[in-house]
Amino acid sequence: MTRSLLRRSIFAAVIGGLLTLAACSQQDQNTPSPADAAKAQAQAEAAEAGNQLQTYRKMLQMKNDEMASQLGEEIVKQFPNSDAAKEVQQTLPQVEQRWKETSEKQRLSALWTYQVGPMEGGTQSTASLFSTSPSGDRTIRLVLRRHTKWGQSVFMFGTGHGFVCKSNCMIQAQFDGKPHPLRAFLPTTGEPAIFIHDDKPFIEAMEKTKRITMNVEMQDGGKQTIVFEVGGYDPSKWAPVGKK
C-alpha cells in the first residue's frame, strides 16, 4: 500500500468514527430521560382523569346515577391519587347508594304483571307475580283479581294437583319476618289454587311489606315454603273494573 493510499484510509476511518459519534449523540438528545418520561406520563394521566371527571360531573347533573357510579368507580380505580379521584370520592358513596336503591326498586317492580281482559262472561283485572322460591317448574303465582261478576279476590295458583286444605284452613305466613296467619280455602271448581279469605286486609298489609313467606302443603309435593317479593307492587297499575 502506498503512503497516499494509507493516509486516505486513515482519514476515512476517522471521519466514519466522528459520524458514528455524532449519530449517537443526536439519538441521546432525542431520547427523554426517565424523569421526563415519568413527568409526561403523569401529565397524560392527569389530563385523562380530568376529562373523565368532566363527564362524571355531567352525569351527576343529569341525575344518571347508573352511569355516574360506573364512571366514578373507574376514575378511583385508574387514577387513585389524582385530584379527580379525590373529588369523585366526595359524592360517589351517595351516588352508589341511590343507584342501588333505584335498581332494586326497578327489579321488584318488574316482578309484577298487570292485565285486563275478558274472562268468563265478564271483565277481569289482575295484578300478579311469581314466587322467588320455589322457582322453575314448581313456581307459585300470587294473584290479586277483580272481576265484574265475582268481585275482588286473592289467591295462589300452583302446578300439579294444587294445595292441601280441608274446608277452611290456616296458612302460617310471615310478612317481613313477622307472623301473619292467613285463613284460606280451596275453590270448589278443582283448580290447583288456594284462596285467601280476607282479601282486603291481605292487600292492605301487603302494600306495607317487602317479602311474604308462606308455609303450605302441596298435594303432590309435601310441605313447601313459598316466598313472594312483593315490595314492587303498584296499586295504581291494578285497574278497577265496574260491576256487571
C-alpha atoms as a PDB file:
ATOM      1  CA  MET A   1       0.000   0.000   0.000  1.00  0.00           C
ATOM      2  CA  THR A   2       1.299   3.431  -0.965  1.00  0.00           C
ATOM      3  CA  ARG A   3       1.727   6.169   1.590  1.00  0.00           C
ATOM      4  CA  SER A   4      -1.005   8.207  -0.142  1.00  0.00           C
ATOM      5  CA  LEU A   5      -3.494   5.363  -0.043  1.00  0.00           C
ATOM      6  CA  LEU A   6      -2.691   4.712   3.621  1.00  0.00           C
ATOM      7  CA  ARG A   7      -3.398   8.352   4.509  1.00  0.00           C
ATOM      8  CA  ARG A   8      -6.783   8.190   2.714  1.00  0.00           C
ATOM      9  CA  SER A   9      -7.740   5.019   4.606  1.00  0.00           C
ATOM     10  CA  ILE A  10      -6.883   6.561   7.956  1.00  0.00           C
ATOM     11  CA  PHE A  11      -8.811   9.724   7.101  1.00  0.00           C
ATOM     12  CA  ALA A  12     -11.904   7.714   6.093  1.00  0.00           C
ATOM     13  CA  ALA A  13     -11.777   5.745   9.334  1.00  0.00           C
ATOM     14  CA  VAL A  14     -11.557   8.922  11.397  1.00  0.00           C
ATOM     15  CA  ILE A  15     -14.471  10.540   9.543  1.00  0.00           C
ATOM     16  CA  GLY A  16     -16.570   7.384   9.955  1.00  0.00           C
ATOM     17  CA  GLY A  17     -15.922   7.359  13.669  1.00  0.00           C
ATOM     18  CA  LEU A  18     -16.862  11.003  14.021  1.00  0.00           C
ATOM     19  CA  LEU A  19     -20.104  10.437  12.110  1.00  0.00           C
ATOM     20  CA  THR A  20     -20.971   7.489  14.353  1.00  0.00           C
ATOM     21  CA  LEU A  21     -20.318   9.570  17.469  1.00  0.00           C
ATOM     22  CA  ALA A  22     -22.474  12.372  16.098  1.00  0.00           C
ATOM     23  CA  ALA A  23     -25.364   9.994  15.349  1.00  0.00           C
ATOM     24  CA  CYS A  24     -25.216   8.510  18.825  1.00  0.00           C
ATOM     25  CA  SER A  25     -25.100  11.989  20.347  1.00  0.00           C
ATOM     26  CA  GLN A  26     -28.160  13.042  18.313  1.00  0.00           C
ATOM     27  CA  GLN A  27     -30.021   9.894  19.386  1.00  0.00           C
ATOM     28  CA  ASP A  28     -29.189  10.553  23.041  1.00  0.00           C
ATOM     29  CA  GLN A  29     -30.578  14.068  22.719  1.00  0.00           C
ATOM     30  CA  ASN A  30     -33.880  12.779  21.263  1.00  0.00           C
ATOM     31  CA  THR A  31     -34.425  10.079  23.945  1.00  0.00           C
ATOM     32  CA  PRO A  32     -36.169  11.534  27.031  1.00  0.00           C
ATOM     33  CA  SER A  33     -34.720  10.856  30.409  1.00  0.00           C
ATOM     34  CA  PRO A  34     -36.621   8.579  32.835  1.00  0.00           C
ATOM     35  CA  ALA A  35     -37.663  11.655  34.810  1.00  0.00           C
ATOM     36  CA  ASP A  36     -39.029  13.383  31.713  1.00  0.00           C
ATOM     37  CA  ALA A  37     -40.876  10.218  30.657  1.00  0.00           C
ATOM     38  CA  ALA A  38     -42.460   9.863  34.092  1.00  0.00           C
ATOM     39  CA  LYS A  39     -43.472  13.518  34.053  1.00  0.00           C
ATOM     40  CA  ALA A  40     -45.067  13.170  30.611  1.00  0.00           C
ATOM     41  CA  GLN A  41     -46.979  10.082  31.704  1.00  0.00           C
ATOM     42  CA  ALA A  42     -48.230  11.825  34.839  1.00  0.00           C
ATOM     43  CA  GLN A  43     -49.431  14.776  32.769  1.00  0.00           C
ATOM     44  CA  ALA A  44     -51.243  12.471  30.339  1.00  0.00           C
ATOM     45  CA  GLU A  45     -52.944  10.614  33.193  1.00  0.00           C
ATOM     46  CA  ALA A  46     -53.966  13.880  34.854  1.00  0.00           C
ATOM     47  CA  ALA A  47     -55.462  15.095  31.581  1.00  0.00           C
ATOM     48  CA  GLU A  48     -57.401  11.842  31.094  1.00  0.00           C
ATOM     49  CA  ALA A  49     -58.617  11.903  34.701  1.00  0.00           C
ATOM     50  CA  GLY A  50     -59.749  15.495  34.200  1.00  0.00           C
ATOM     51  CA  ASN A  51     -61.688  14.556  31.076  1.00  0.00           C
ATOM     52  CA  GLN A  52     -63.410  11.692  32.844  1.00  0.00           C
ATOM     53  CA  LEU A  53     -64.180  13.954  35.798  1.00  0.00           C
ATOM     54  CA  GLN A  54     -65.971  16.382  33.486  1.00  0.00           C
ATOM     55  CA  THR A  55     -68.134  13.506  32.210  1.00  0.00           C
ATOM     56  CA  TYR A  56     -68.796  12.386  35.795  1.00  0.00           C
ATOM     57  CA  ARG A  57     -69.995  15.880  36.686  1.00  0.00           C
ATOM     58  CA  LYS A  58     -72.329  15.861  33.676  1.00  0.00           C
ATOM     59  CA  MET A  59     -73.803  12.513  34.772  1.00  0.00           C
ATOM     60  CA  LEU A  60     -74.491  13.995  38.204  1.00  0.00           C
ATOM     61  CA  GLN A  61     -76.226  16.998  36.625  1.00  0.00           C
ATOM     62  CA  MET A  62     -78.335  14.639  34.512  1.00  0.00           C
ATOM     63  CA  LYS A  63     -79.129  12.581  37.653  1.00  0.00           C
ATOM     64  CA  ASN A  64     -77.876   9.475  35.859  1.00  0.00           C
ATOM     65  CA  ASP A  65     -76.714   7.569  38.923  1.00  0.00           C
ATOM     66  CA  GLU A  66     -76.084   4.356  36.988  1.00  0.00           C
ATOM     67  CA  MET A  67     -73.515   5.885  34.621  1.00  0.00           C
ATOM     68  CA  ALA A  68     -72.086   8.129  37.335  1.00  0.00           C
ATOM     69  CA  SER A  69     -71.492   5.102  39.587  1.00  0.00           C
ATOM     70  CA  GLN A  70     -69.702   3.179  36.851  1.00  0.00           C
ATOM     71  CA  LEU A  71     -67.576   6.133  35.761  1.00  0.00           C
ATOM     72  CA  GLY A  72     -66.778   7.166  39.323  1.00  0.00           C
ATOM     73  CA  GLU A  73     -65.529   3.683  40.159  1.00  0.00           C
ATOM     74  CA  GLU A  74     -63.292   3.712  37.065  1.00  0.00           C
ATOM     75  CA  ILE A  75     -61.785   7.084  37.974  1.00  0.00           C
ATOM     76  CA  VAL A  76     -60.983   5.966  41.520  1.00  0.00           C
ATOM     77  CA  LYS A  77     -59.562   2.675  40.253  1.00  0.00           C
ATOM     78  CA  GLN A  78     -57.447   4.045  37.392  1.00  0.00           C
ATOM     79  CA  PHE A  79     -56.310   7.321  38.977  1.00  0.00           C
ATOM     80  CA  PRO A  80     -56.402   6.691  42.744  1.00  0.00           C
ATOM     81  CA  ASN A  81     -54.028   9.514  43.682  1.00  0.00           C
ATOM     82  CA  SER A  82     -55.450  12.151  41.345  1.00  0.00           C
ATOM     83  CA  ASP A  83     -57.389  15.277  42.248  1.00  0.00           C
ATOM     84  CA  ALA A  84     -60.218  13.856  40.126  1.00  0.00           C
ATOM     85  CA  ALA A  85     -60.406  10.759  42.330  1.00  0.00           C
ATOM     86  CA  LYS A  86     -60.463  12.905  45.467  1.00  0.00           C
ATOM     87  CA  GLU A  87     -63.406  14.913  44.125  1.00  0.00           C
ATOM     88  CA  VAL A  88     -65.288  11.809  42.990  1.00  0.00           C
ATOM     89  CA  GLN A  89     -64.889  10.133  46.381  1.00  0.00           C
ATOM     90  CA  GLN A  90     -66.792  13.005  47.999  1.00  0.00           C
ATOM     91  CA  THR A  91     -70.013  12.080  46.171  1.00  0.00           C
ATOM     92  CA  LEU A  92     -69.566   8.504  44.925  1.00  0.00           C
ATOM     93  CA  PRO A  93     -70.871   6.706  48.075  1.00  0.00           C
ATOM     94  CA  GLN A  94     -74.167   8.637  47.931  1.00  0.00           C
ATOM     95  CA  VAL A  95     -74.482   8.081  44.181  1.00  0.00           C
ATOM     96  CA  GLU A  96     -73.876   4.336  44.529  1.00  0.00           C
ATOM     97  CA  GLN A  97     -76.417   4.081  47.351  1.00  0.00           C
ATOM     98  CA  ARG A  98     -79.058   5.892  45.312  1.00  0.00           C
ATOM     99  CA  TRP A  99     -78.412   3.653  42.299  1.00  0.00           C
ATOM    100  CA  LYS A 100     -78.547   0.528  44.468  1.00  0.00           C
ATOM    101  CA  GLU A 101     -81.944   1.558  45.833  1.00  0.00           C
ATOM    102  CA  THR A 102     -83.237   2.553  42.386  1.00  0.00           C
ATOM    103  CA  SER A 103     -82.099  -0.661  40.699  1.00  0.00           C
ATOM    104  CA  GLU A 104     -83.641  -2.765  43.477  1.00  0.00           C
ATOM    105  CA  LYS A 105     -86.910  -0.877  43.144  1.00  0.00           C
ATOM    106  CA  GLN A 106     -86.877  -1.472  39.394  1.00  0.00           C
ATOM    107  CA  ARG A 107     -86.174  -5.168  39.907  1.00  0.00           C
ATOM    108  CA  LEU A 108     -89.061  -5.571  42.334  1.00  0.00           C
ATOM    109  CA  SER A 109     -91.442  -3.602  40.118  1.00  0.00           C
ATOM    110  CA  ALA A 110     -90.562  -5.793  37.138  1.00  0.00           C
ATOM    111  CA  LEU A 111     -91.714  -8.896  39.055  1.00  0.00           C
ATOM    112  CA  TRP A 112     -95.338  -7.744  38.831  1.00  0.00           C
ATOM    113  CA  THR A 113     -97.618  -8.153  35.816  1.00  0.00           C
ATOM    114  CA  TYR A 114    -100.858  -6.175  35.379  1.00  0.00           C
ATOM    115  CA  GLN A 115    -103.510  -7.329  32.927  1.00  0.00           C
ATOM    116  CA  VAL A 116    -107.108  -6.517  31.968  1.00  0.00           C
ATOM    117  CA  GLY A 117    -109.223  -8.680  29.680  1.00  0.00           C
ATOM    118  CA  PRO A 118    -112.423 -10.665  29.186  1.00  0.00           C
ATOM    119  CA  MET A 119    -112.960 -13.630  31.497  1.00  0.00           C
ATOM    120  CA  GLU A 120    -115.995 -15.961  31.536  1.00  0.00           C
ATOM    121  CA  GLY A 121    -118.733 -13.500  30.682  1.00  0.00           C
ATOM    122  CA  GLY A 122    -117.127 -10.514  32.370  1.00  0.00           C
ATOM    123  CA  THR A 123    -114.013  -8.370  32.591  1.00  0.00           C
ATOM    124  CA  GLN A 124    -111.079  -9.338  34.760  1.00  0.00           C
ATOM    125  CA  SER A 125    -108.239  -7.174  36.069  1.00  0.00           C
ATOM    126  CA  THR A 126    -105.256  -8.874  37.708  1.00  0.00           C
ATOM    127  CA  ALA A 127    -102.015  -7.961  39.433  1.00  0.00           C
ATOM    128  CA  SER A 128     -99.760 -10.965  39.826  1.00  0.00           C
ATOM    129  CA  LEU A 129     -96.213 -12.174  40.417  1.00  0.00           C
ATOM    130  CA  PHE A 130     -94.389 -15.487  40.616  1.00  0.00           C
ATOM    131  CA  SER A 131     -92.687 -16.841  43.695  1.00  0.00           C
ATOM    132  CA  THR A 132     -88.975 -16.335  44.220  1.00  0.00           C
ATOM    133  CA  SER A 133     -88.990 -19.755  45.846  1.00  0.00           C
ATOM    134  CA  PRO A 134     -89.919 -22.288  44.646  1.00  0.00           C
ATOM    135  CA  SER A 135     -88.922 -21.416  41.100  1.00  0.00           C
ATOM    136  CA  GLY A 136     -88.803 -23.134  37.737  1.00  0.00           C
ATOM    137  CA  ASP A 137     -91.425 -25.807  37.128  1.00  0.00           C
ATOM    138  CA  ARG A 138     -92.744 -25.595  40.683  1.00  0.00           C
ATOM    139  CA  THR A 139     -93.215 -21.836  40.844  1.00  0.00           C
ATOM    140  CA  ILE A 140     -96.365 -20.471  42.512  1.00  0.00           C
ATOM    141  CA  ARG A 141     -98.268 -17.447  41.269  1.00  0.00           C
ATOM    142  CA  LEU A 142     -99.842 -14.902  43.633  1.00  0.00           C
ATOM    143  CA  VAL A 143    -102.851 -13.217  42.009  1.00  0.00           C
ATOM    144  CA  LEU A 144    -104.892 -10.181  43.020  1.00  0.00           C
ATOM    145  CA  ARG A 145    -108.074 -10.289  40.955  1.00  0.00           C
ATOM    146  CA  ARG A 146    -111.031  -8.014  40.257  1.00  0.00           C
ATOM    147  CA  HIS A 147    -113.885  -9.367  38.200  1.00  0.00           C
ATOM    148  CA  THR A 148    -117.101  -7.661  37.138  1.00  0.00           C
ATOM    149  CA  LYS A 149    -119.123 -10.659  38.301  1.00  0.00           C
ATOM    150  CA  TRP A 150    -117.068 -12.322  41.030  1.00  0.00           C
ATOM    151  CA  GLY A 151    -115.741  -9.196  42.736  1.00  0.00           C
ATOM    152  CA  GLN A 152    -112.305  -8.990  44.352  1.00  0.00           C
ATOM    153  CA  SER A 153    -110.213 -11.959  45.454  1.00  0.00           C
ATOM    154  CA  VAL A 154    -106.668 -13.005  46.281  1.00  0.00           C
ATOM    155  CA  PHE A 155    -105.364 -16.482  45.547  1.00  0.00           C
ATOM    156  CA  MET A 156    -102.280 -18.552  44.810  1.00  0.00           C
ATOM    157  CA  PHE A 157    -102.146 -20.696  41.702  1.00  0.00           C
ATOM    158  CA  GLY A 158     -99.744 -23.603  41.508  1.00  0.00           C
ATOM    159  CA  THR A 159     -98.889 -26.555  39.351  1.00  0.00           C
ATOM    160  CA  GLY A 160     -99.726 -30.214  39.669  1.00  0.00           C
ATOM    161  CA  HIS A 161    -102.720 -31.135  41.847  1.00  0.00           C
ATOM    162  CA  GLY A 162    -102.723 -27.989  43.958  1.00  0.00           C
ATOM    163  CA  PHE A 163    -102.792 -27.394  47.692  1.00  0.00           C
ATOM    164  CA  VAL A 164    -103.895 -29.334  50.748  1.00  0.00           C
ATOM    165  CA  CYS A 165    -106.617 -27.531  52.714  1.00  0.00           C
ATOM    166  CA  LYS A 166    -109.548 -29.250  54.427  1.00  0.00           C
ATOM    167  CA  SER A 167    -112.562 -26.955  54.303  1.00  0.00           C
ATOM    168  CA  ASN A 168    -111.187 -23.749  55.855  1.00  0.00           C
ATOM    169  CA  CYS A 169    -107.538 -23.877  56.830  1.00  0.00           C
ATOM    170  CA  MET A 170    -104.852 -21.610  58.221  1.00  0.00           C
ATOM    171  CA  ILE A 171    -101.697 -20.732  56.305  1.00  0.00           C
ATOM    172  CA  GLN A 172     -98.762 -19.920  58.556  1.00  0.00           C
ATOM    173  CA  ALA A 173     -97.317 -16.822  56.915  1.00  0.00           C
ATOM    174  CA  GLN A 174     -94.793 -14.127  57.734  1.00  0.00           C
ATOM    175  CA  PHE A 175     -94.804 -10.545  56.474  1.00  0.00           C
ATOM    176  CA  ASP A 176     -91.234  -9.222  56.607  1.00  0.00           C
ATOM    177  CA  GLY A 177     -90.440 -11.815  59.242  1.00  0.00           C
ATOM    178  CA  LYS A 178     -93.460 -11.086  61.458  1.00  0.00           C
ATOM    179  CA  PRO A 179     -96.117 -13.799  61.947  1.00  0.00           C
ATOM    180  CA  HIS A 180     -99.256 -13.114  59.918  1.00  0.00           C
ATOM    181  CA  PRO A 181    -101.586 -16.177  59.771  1.00  0.00           C
ATOM    182  CA  LEU A 182    -103.952 -16.282  56.797  1.00  0.00           C
ATOM    183  CA  ARG A 183    -107.321 -18.006  56.583  1.00  0.00           C
ATOM    184  CA  ALA A 184    -107.698 -19.858  53.307  1.00  0.00           C
ATOM    185  CA  PHE A 185    -109.946 -22.220  51.339  1.00  0.00           C
ATOM    186  CA  LEU A 186    -109.862 -24.261  48.142  1.00  0.00           C
ATOM    187  CA  PRO A 187    -112.004 -23.414  45.117  1.00  0.00           C
ATOM    188  CA  THR A 188    -114.965 -25.729  44.517  1.00  0.00           C
ATOM    189  CA  THR A 189    -114.108 -25.925  40.803  1.00  0.00           C
ATOM    190  CA  GLY A 190    -110.976 -28.000  41.393  1.00  0.00           C
ATOM    191  CA  GLU A 191    -108.215 -25.705  40.021  1.00  0.00           C
ATOM    192  CA  PRO A 192    -104.754 -26.059  41.644  1.00  0.00           C
ATOM    193  CA  ALA A 193    -105.349 -22.860  43.625  1.00  0.00           C
ATOM    194  CA  ILE A 194    -105.950 -21.691  47.172  1.00  0.00           C
ATOM    195  CA  PHE A 195    -107.867 -18.506  48.077  1.00  0.00           C
ATOM    196  CA  ILE A 196    -107.207 -16.080  50.919  1.00  0.00           C
ATOM    197  CA  HIS A 197    -110.384 -15.381  52.897  1.00  0.00           C
ATOM    198  CA  ASP A 198    -109.724 -11.790  53.939  1.00  0.00           C
ATOM    199  CA  ASP A 199    -108.551 -10.316  50.633  1.00  0.00           C
ATOM    200  CA  LYS A 200    -108.847  -6.644  51.595  1.00  0.00           C
ATOM    201  CA  PRO A 201    -106.797  -6.860  54.837  1.00  0.00           C
ATOM    202  CA  PHE A 202    -104.271  -9.031  52.992  1.00  0.00           C
ATOM    203  CA  ILE A 203    -103.764  -6.395  50.275  1.00  0.00           C
ATOM    204  CA  GLU A 204    -103.530  -3.573  52.815  1.00  0.00           C
ATOM    205  CA  ALA A 205    -100.847  -5.451  54.760  1.00  0.00           C
ATOM    206  CA  MET A 206     -99.041  -6.479  51.572  1.00  0.00           C
ATOM    207  CA  GLU A 207     -98.717  -2.846  50.458  1.00  0.00           C
ATOM    208  CA  LYS A 208     -96.519  -2.217  53.520  1.00  0.00           C
ATOM    209  CA  THR A 209     -94.450  -5.380  53.061  1.00  0.00           C
ATOM    210  CA  LYS A 210     -91.383  -6.324  51.049  1.00  0.00           C
ATOM    211  CA  ARG A 211     -91.387 -10.098  51.486  1.00  0.00           C
ATOM    212  CA  ILE A 212     -94.116 -12.609  52.265  1.00  0.00           C
ATOM    213  CA  THR A 213     -93.299 -16.174  53.292  1.00  0.00           C
ATOM    214  CA  MET A 214     -95.997 -18.864  53.433  1.00  0.00           C
ATOM    215  CA  ASN A 215     -95.784 -22.458  54.644  1.00  0.00           C
ATOM    216  CA  VAL A 216     -98.225 -24.653  52.744  1.00  0.00           C
ATOM    217  CA  GLU A 217     -98.728 -28.296  51.901  1.00  0.00           C
ATOM    218  CA  MET A 218     -98.941 -29.395  48.277  1.00  0.00           C
ATOM    219  CA  GLN A 219    -100.951 -32.403  47.160  1.00  0.00           C
ATOM    220  CA  ASP A 220     -98.029 -33.762  45.154  1.00  0.00           C
ATOM    221  CA  GLY A 221     -95.035 -32.278  46.929  1.00  0.00           C
ATOM    222  CA  GLY A 222     -95.452 -32.305  50.698  1.00  0.00           C
ATOM    223  CA  LYS A 223     -94.757 -29.208  52.777  1.00  0.00           C
ATOM    224  CA  GLN A 224     -93.491 -26.211  50.856  1.00  0.00           C
ATOM    225  CA  THR A 225     -92.186 -22.756  51.851  1.00  0.00           C
ATOM    226  CA  ILE A 226     -93.249 -20.111  49.364  1.00  0.00           C
ATOM    227  CA  VAL A 227     -91.519 -16.720  49.125  1.00  0.00           C
ATOM    228  CA  PHE A 228     -93.006 -13.716  47.333  1.00  0.00           C
ATOM    229  CA  GLU A 229     -91.028 -10.469  46.922  1.00  0.00           C
ATOM    230  CA  VAL A 230     -93.989  -8.086  46.858  1.00  0.00           C
ATOM    231  CA  GLY A 231     -92.196  -4.773  47.503  1.00  0.00           C
ATOM    232  CA  GLY A 232     -92.624  -3.551  43.906  1.00  0.00           C
ATOM    233  CA  TYR A 233     -96.434  -3.648  43.929  1.00  0.00           C
ATOM    234  CA  ASP A 234     -98.019  -0.514  42.421  1.00  0.00           C
ATOM    235  CA  PRO A 235    -101.751  -0.239  43.259  1.00  0.00           C
ATOM    236  CA  SER A 236    -102.242   2.432  40.591  1.00  0.00           C
ATOM    237  CA  LYS A 237    -101.474  -0.163  37.913  1.00  0.00           C
ATOM    238  CA  TRP A 238    -104.119  -2.615  39.100  1.00  0.00           C
ATOM    239  CA  ALA A 239    -107.048  -1.321  37.095  1.00  0.00           C
ATOM    240  CA  PRO A 240    -110.510  -1.237  38.675  1.00  0.00           C
ATOM    241  CA  VAL A 241    -113.468  -2.808  36.883  1.00  0.00           C
ATOM    242  CA  GLY A 242    -117.107  -1.876  37.227  1.00  0.00           C
ATOM    243  CA  LYS A 243    -119.723  -4.334  38.406  1.00  0.00           C
ATOM    244  CA  LYS A 244    -121.632  -6.088  35.670  1.00  0.00           C
END
